[in-house]
Amino acid sequence: MQTEIINKVLSVEDRAQKIIRDSERSARDIVTEAQAKANEMVRSSLKGERERQNAVIARAQDDADAQLAEYEASLAGAQRLDPDLLDNVATLIVEKVCMTDFDEGTAQ
């Protein structure tokens, strides 16, 4: 009878050990699966954010290109200075330079 009780106790201990091993294995599997899902979520989030930022950069580049094209077009269509006006401006500059006393740094 004692042998039978001991065998039952040992049998219960074996089952308990098996339950513990199975639980540990299941816990590792659950943690591994959770880590894989978390990694995929992070990768997906990073990919989405990268795509969003690339779209923002592309829009900014397009806006800058449009502004540059507009500015270049405005320069191309700008009026040329009249040669007579250029001569007058050059004459005024020469007169001012000639009136300047460079030793004293003042105009006459």
N, C-alpha and C. Protein backbone atom coordinates (compact mmCIF):
# COMPACT_ATOMS: atom_id res chain seq x y z
N MET A 1 0.80 -1.18 0.00
CA MET A 1 0.00 0.00 0.00
C MET A 1 0.86 1.25 0.00
N GLN A 2 1.95 1.23 0.76
CA GLN A 2 2.87 2.37 0.79
C GLN A 2 3.53 2.56 -0.57
N THR A 3 3.85 1.47 -1.20
CA THR A 3 4.46 1.55 -2.52
C THR A 3 3.49 2.19 -3.51
N GLU A 4 2.26 1.83 -3.39
CA GLU A 4 1.24 2.38 -4.28
C GLU A 4 1.09 3.89 -4.05
N ILE A 5 1.12 4.30 -2.81
CA ILE A 5 1.00 5.73 -2.48
C ILE A 5 2.23 6.48 -3.01
N ILE A 6 3.40 5.87 -2.81
CA ILE A 6 4.64 6.50 -3.30
C ILE A 6 4.60 6.60 -4.82
N ASN A 7 4.13 5.57 -5.49
CA ASN A 7 4.03 5.60 -6.96
C ASN A 7 3.06 6.68 -7.42
N LYS A 8 1.94 6.82 -6.69
CA LYS A 8 0.98 7.88 -7.04
C LYS A 8 1.58 9.26 -6.83
N VAL A 9 2.33 9.45 -5.73
CA VAL A 9 2.97 10.73 -5.46
C VAL A 9 3.99 11.04 -6.56
N LEU A 10 4.78 10.01 -6.91
CA LEU A 10 5.78 10.21 -7.98
C LEU A 10 5.10 10.50 -9.31
N SER A 11 4.01 9.85 -9.56
CA SER A 11 3.26 10.08 -10.78
C SER A 11 2.72 11.51 -10.81
N VAL A 12 2.20 11.98 -9.68
CA VAL A 12 1.70 13.36 -9.58
C VAL A 12 2.85 14.34 -9.76
N GLU A 13 4.00 14.04 -9.17
CA GLU A 13 5.17 14.92 -9.34
C GLU A 13 5.60 14.97 -10.80
N ASP A 14 5.61 13.83 -11.48
CA ASP A 14 5.98 13.79 -12.90
C ASP A 14 5.02 14.65 -13.73
N ARG A 15 3.72 14.51 -13.44
CA ARG A 15 2.74 15.32 -14.17
C ARG A 15 2.93 16.80 -13.86
N ALA A 16 3.21 17.11 -12.62
CA ALA A 16 3.45 18.50 -12.24
C ALA A 16 4.67 19.05 -12.98
N GLN A 17 5.74 18.28 -13.05
CA GLN A 17 6.94 18.71 -13.79
C GLN A 17 6.62 18.91 -15.27
N LYS A 18 5.82 18.01 -15.83
CA LYS A 18 5.44 18.13 -17.23
C LYS A 18 4.61 19.40 -17.43
N ILE A 19 3.70 19.68 -16.52
CA ILE A 19 2.88 20.89 -16.60
C ILE A 19 3.78 22.13 -16.53
N ILE A 20 4.76 22.09 -15.65
CA ILE A 20 5.69 23.23 -15.52
C ILE A 20 6.48 23.41 -16.80
N ARG A 21 7.02 22.31 -17.36
CA ARG A 21 7.79 22.41 -18.61
C ARG A 21 6.92 22.93 -19.75
N ASP A 22 5.70 22.40 -19.83
CA ASP A 22 4.79 22.85 -20.89
C ASP A 22 4.44 24.33 -20.71
N SER A 23 4.24 24.74 -19.48
CA SER A 23 3.93 26.15 -19.20
C SER A 23 5.10 27.04 -19.55
N GLU A 24 6.31 26.62 -19.21
CA GLU A 24 7.50 27.41 -19.56
C GLU A 24 7.65 27.51 -21.07
N ARG A 25 7.44 26.41 -21.77
CA ARG A 25 7.54 26.41 -23.23
C ARG A 25 6.48 27.32 -23.82
N SER A 26 5.26 27.23 -23.32
CA SER A 26 4.17 28.08 -23.81
C SER A 26 4.48 29.56 -23.52
N ALA A 27 5.00 29.83 -22.35
CA ALA A 27 5.34 31.22 -22.00
C ALA A 27 6.41 31.76 -22.94
N ARG A 28 7.45 30.95 -23.22
CA ARG A 28 8.49 31.39 -24.17
C ARG A 28 7.90 31.64 -25.55
N ASP A 29 7.01 30.73 -25.98
CA ASP A 29 6.39 30.91 -27.29
C ASP A 29 5.54 32.18 -27.34
N ILE A 30 4.81 32.44 -26.27
CA ILE A 30 3.97 33.64 -26.21
C ILE A 30 4.84 34.90 -26.25
N VAL A 31 5.93 34.90 -25.48
CA VAL A 31 6.83 36.06 -25.46
C VAL A 31 7.49 36.25 -26.82
N THR A 32 7.92 35.16 -27.44
CA THR A 32 8.54 35.25 -28.76
C THR A 32 7.56 35.80 -29.79
N GLU A 33 6.33 35.31 -29.75
CA GLU A 33 5.31 35.79 -30.68
C GLU A 33 5.00 37.26 -30.44
N ALA A 34 4.91 37.65 -29.16
CA ALA A 34 4.65 39.06 -28.84
C ALA A 34 5.79 39.95 -29.33
N GLN A 35 7.04 39.49 -29.17
CA GLN A 35 8.18 40.28 -29.65
C GLN A 35 8.14 40.40 -31.17
N ALA A 36 7.80 39.32 -31.85
CA ALA A 36 7.72 39.36 -33.32
C ALA A 36 6.64 40.35 -33.76
N LYS A 37 5.47 40.30 -33.09
CA LYS A 37 4.40 41.23 -33.44
C LYS A 37 4.81 42.68 -33.16
N ALA A 38 5.46 42.90 -32.03
CA ALA A 38 5.90 44.25 -31.68
C ALA A 38 6.93 44.75 -32.70
N ASN A 39 7.86 43.88 -33.08
CA ASN A 39 8.86 44.28 -34.09
C ASN A 39 8.19 44.63 -35.41
N GLU A 40 7.19 43.84 -35.80
CA GLU A 40 6.48 44.12 -37.05
C GLU A 40 5.72 45.43 -36.95
N MET A 41 5.12 45.70 -35.80
CA MET A 41 4.41 46.96 -35.61
C MET A 41 5.36 48.14 -35.70
N VAL A 42 6.53 48.02 -35.10
CA VAL A 42 7.53 49.09 -35.16
C VAL A 42 7.99 49.30 -36.59
N ARG A 43 8.30 48.20 -37.29
CA ARG A 43 8.75 48.32 -38.69
C ARG A 43 7.67 48.96 -39.55
N SER A 44 6.44 48.54 -39.35
CA SER A 44 5.33 49.10 -40.12
C SER A 44 5.14 50.58 -39.83
N SER A 45 5.23 50.93 -38.55
CA SER A 45 5.08 52.33 -38.16
C SER A 45 6.21 53.17 -38.74
N LEU A 46 7.43 52.66 -38.67
CA LEU A 46 8.57 53.39 -39.23
C LEU A 46 8.43 53.57 -40.73
N LYS A 47 7.97 52.51 -41.40
CA LYS A 47 7.79 52.59 -42.84
C LYS A 47 6.75 53.65 -43.19
N GLY A 48 5.63 53.64 -42.46
CA GLY A 48 4.58 54.63 -42.71
C GLY A 48 5.07 56.04 -42.46
N GLU A 49 5.79 56.23 -41.37
CA GLU A 49 6.32 57.57 -41.05
C GLU A 49 7.35 58.01 -42.08
N ARG A 50 8.20 57.08 -42.51
CA ARG A 50 9.19 57.40 -43.54
C ARG A 50 8.50 57.82 -44.82
N GLU A 51 7.45 57.10 -45.22
CA GLU A 51 6.72 57.45 -46.44
C GLU A 51 6.06 58.82 -46.29
N ARG A 52 5.49 59.08 -45.11
CA ARG A 52 4.85 60.37 -44.87
C ARG A 52 5.86 61.50 -44.96
N GLN A 53 7.02 61.32 -44.33
CA GLN A 53 8.06 62.35 -44.36
C GLN A 53 8.61 62.54 -45.77
N ASN A 54 8.75 61.44 -46.52
CA ASN A 54 9.21 61.57 -47.90
C ASN A 54 8.21 62.36 -48.74
N ALA A 55 6.92 62.17 -48.47
CA ALA A 55 5.89 62.92 -49.19
C ALA A 55 5.97 64.41 -48.83
N VAL A 56 6.21 64.70 -47.55
CA VAL A 56 6.36 66.10 -47.12
C VAL A 56 7.57 66.73 -47.80
N ILE A 57 8.66 66.00 -47.84
CA ILE A 57 9.89 66.50 -48.49
C ILE A 57 9.64 66.72 -49.98
N ALA A 58 8.95 65.78 -50.62
CA ALA A 58 8.67 65.92 -52.05
C ALA A 58 7.80 67.14 -52.32
N ARG A 59 6.78 67.35 -51.46
CA ARG A 59 5.93 68.54 -51.63
C ARG A 59 6.74 69.82 -51.44
N ALA A 60 7.60 69.83 -50.44
CA ALA A 60 8.44 71.02 -50.20
C ALA A 60 9.37 71.26 -51.38
N GLN A 61 9.93 70.19 -51.92
CA GLN A 61 10.81 70.32 -53.08
C GLN A 61 10.04 70.86 -54.28
N ASP A 62 8.82 70.34 -54.49
CA ASP A 62 7.99 70.83 -55.59
C ASP A 62 7.65 72.30 -55.41
N ASP A 63 7.32 72.69 -54.18
CA ASP A 63 7.02 74.10 -53.90
C ASP A 63 8.25 74.97 -54.17
N ALA A 64 9.40 74.52 -53.72
CA ALA A 64 10.64 75.29 -53.94
C ALA A 64 10.95 75.39 -55.43
N ASP A 65 10.75 74.29 -56.15
CA ASP A 65 10.99 74.31 -57.60
C ASP A 65 10.03 75.30 -58.29
N ALA A 66 8.78 75.30 -57.85
CA ALA A 66 7.80 76.22 -58.45
C ALA A 66 8.16 77.67 -58.15
N GLN A 67 8.58 77.92 -56.92
CA GLN A 67 8.97 79.29 -56.55
C GLN A 67 10.20 79.72 -57.35
N LEU A 68 11.15 78.82 -57.50
CA LEU A 68 12.35 79.14 -58.28
C LEU A 68 12.00 79.41 -59.73
N ALA A 69 11.13 78.58 -60.29
CA ALA A 69 10.72 78.79 -61.69
C ALA A 69 10.00 80.13 -61.84
N GLU A 70 9.16 80.46 -60.87
CA GLU A 70 8.44 81.74 -60.91
C GLU A 70 9.42 82.90 -60.81
N TYR A 71 10.40 82.77 -59.92
CA TYR A 71 11.39 83.83 -59.77
C TYR A 71 12.23 83.98 -61.04
N GLU A 72 12.65 82.84 -61.60
CA GLU A 72 13.43 82.89 -62.84
C GLU A 72 12.62 83.51 -63.97
N ALA A 73 11.32 83.19 -64.02
CA ALA A 73 10.46 83.78 -65.05
C ALA A 73 10.33 85.28 -64.85
N SER A 74 10.24 85.70 -63.58
CA SER A 74 10.13 87.14 -63.33
C SER A 74 11.42 87.85 -63.71
N LEU A 75 12.56 87.18 -63.51
CA LEU A 75 13.83 87.79 -63.91
C LEU A 75 13.95 87.87 -65.43
N ALA A 76 13.47 86.86 -66.10
CA ALA A 76 13.57 86.84 -67.56
C ALA A 76 12.69 87.93 -68.16
N GLY A 77 11.58 88.21 -67.51
CA GLY A 77 10.68 89.22 -68.04
C GLY A 77 10.92 90.61 -67.48
N ALA A 78 11.94 90.76 -66.64
CA ALA A 78 12.21 92.06 -66.02
C ALA A 78 12.64 93.06 -67.08
N GLN A 79 12.27 94.29 -66.81
CA GLN A 79 12.64 95.34 -67.75
C GLN A 79 14.14 95.59 -67.68
N ARG A 80 14.70 95.87 -68.82
CA ARG A 80 16.11 96.21 -68.90
C ARG A 80 16.25 97.69 -68.58
N LEU A 81 17.36 98.04 -67.94
CA LEU A 81 17.58 99.46 -67.65
C LEU A 81 17.91 100.19 -68.94
N ASP A 82 17.36 101.34 -69.03
CA ASP A 82 17.58 102.19 -70.19
C ASP A 82 19.04 102.63 -70.18
N PRO A 83 19.71 102.58 -71.34
CA PRO A 83 21.12 103.01 -71.39
C PRO A 83 21.33 104.45 -70.94
N ASP A 84 20.37 105.33 -71.23
CA ASP A 84 20.50 106.73 -70.79
C ASP A 84 20.43 106.81 -69.27
N LEU A 85 19.56 106.01 -68.66
CA LEU A 85 19.45 105.98 -67.21
C LEU A 85 20.75 105.45 -66.60
N LEU A 86 21.32 104.44 -67.20
CA LEU A 86 22.60 103.91 -66.72
C LEU A 86 23.69 104.96 -66.81
N ASP A 87 23.72 105.70 -67.90
CA ASP A 87 24.72 106.77 -68.04
C ASP A 87 24.53 107.82 -66.96
N ASN A 88 23.30 108.21 -66.70
CA ASN A 88 23.03 109.22 -65.66
C ASN A 88 23.48 108.72 -64.29
N VAL A 89 23.16 107.45 -63.97
CA VAL A 89 23.56 106.89 -62.68
C VAL A 89 25.09 106.85 -62.59
N ALA A 90 25.75 106.41 -63.65
CA ALA A 90 27.22 106.35 -63.65
C ALA A 90 27.81 107.74 -63.48
N THR A 91 27.24 108.73 -64.14
CA THR A 91 27.73 110.11 -64.03
C THR A 91 27.59 110.62 -62.60
N LEU A 92 26.44 110.37 -61.98
CA LEU A 92 26.23 110.79 -60.59
C LEU A 92 27.25 110.13 -59.66
N ILE A 93 27.51 108.84 -59.87
CA ILE A 93 28.49 108.14 -59.03
C ILE A 93 29.88 108.76 -59.21
N VAL A 94 30.25 109.03 -60.46
CA VAL A 94 31.57 109.63 -60.72
C VAL A 94 31.66 111.01 -60.08
N GLU A 95 30.60 111.80 -60.16
CA GLU A 95 30.61 113.14 -59.56
C GLU A 95 30.78 113.04 -58.04
N LYS A 96 30.07 112.11 -57.41
CA LYS A 96 30.18 111.94 -55.96
C LYS A 96 31.59 111.50 -55.57
N VAL A 97 32.16 110.58 -56.34
CA VAL A 97 33.52 110.11 -56.04
C VAL A 97 34.51 111.26 -56.22
N CYS A 98 34.33 112.05 -57.24
CA CYS A 98 35.24 113.17 -57.48
C CYS A 98 35.13 114.24 -56.39
N MET A 99 33.97 114.38 -55.78
CA MET A 99 33.78 115.38 -54.73
C MET A 99 34.31 114.89 -53.38
N THR A 100 34.69 113.67 -53.30
CA THR A 100 35.13 113.11 -52.03
C THR A 100 36.61 113.36 -51.83
N ASP A 101 36.95 113.84 -50.66
CA ASP A 101 38.35 114.01 -50.26
C ASP A 101 38.72 112.77 -49.48
N PHE A 102 39.43 111.89 -50.10
CA PHE A 102 39.73 110.59 -49.48
C PHE A 102 40.64 110.72 -48.27
N ASP A 103 41.41 111.80 -48.20
CA ASP A 103 42.29 111.99 -47.03
C ASP A 103 41.45 112.29 -45.78
N GLU A 104 40.39 113.03 -45.96
CA GLU A 104 39.57 113.40 -44.80
C GLU A 104 38.30 112.58 -44.71
N GLY A 105 37.93 111.85 -45.78
CA GLY A 105 36.77 111.01 -45.77
C GLY A 105 35.46 111.76 -45.79
N THR A 106 35.46 113.01 -46.33
CA THR A 106 34.21 113.79 -46.39
C THR A 106 33.98 114.26 -47.80
N ALA A 107 32.73 114.59 -48.10
CA ALA A 107 32.41 115.12 -49.42
C ALA A 107 32.57 116.63 -49.39
N GLN A 108 32.95 117.23 -50.55
CA GLN A 108 33.12 118.68 -50.63
C GLN A 108 31.82 119.37 -50.87
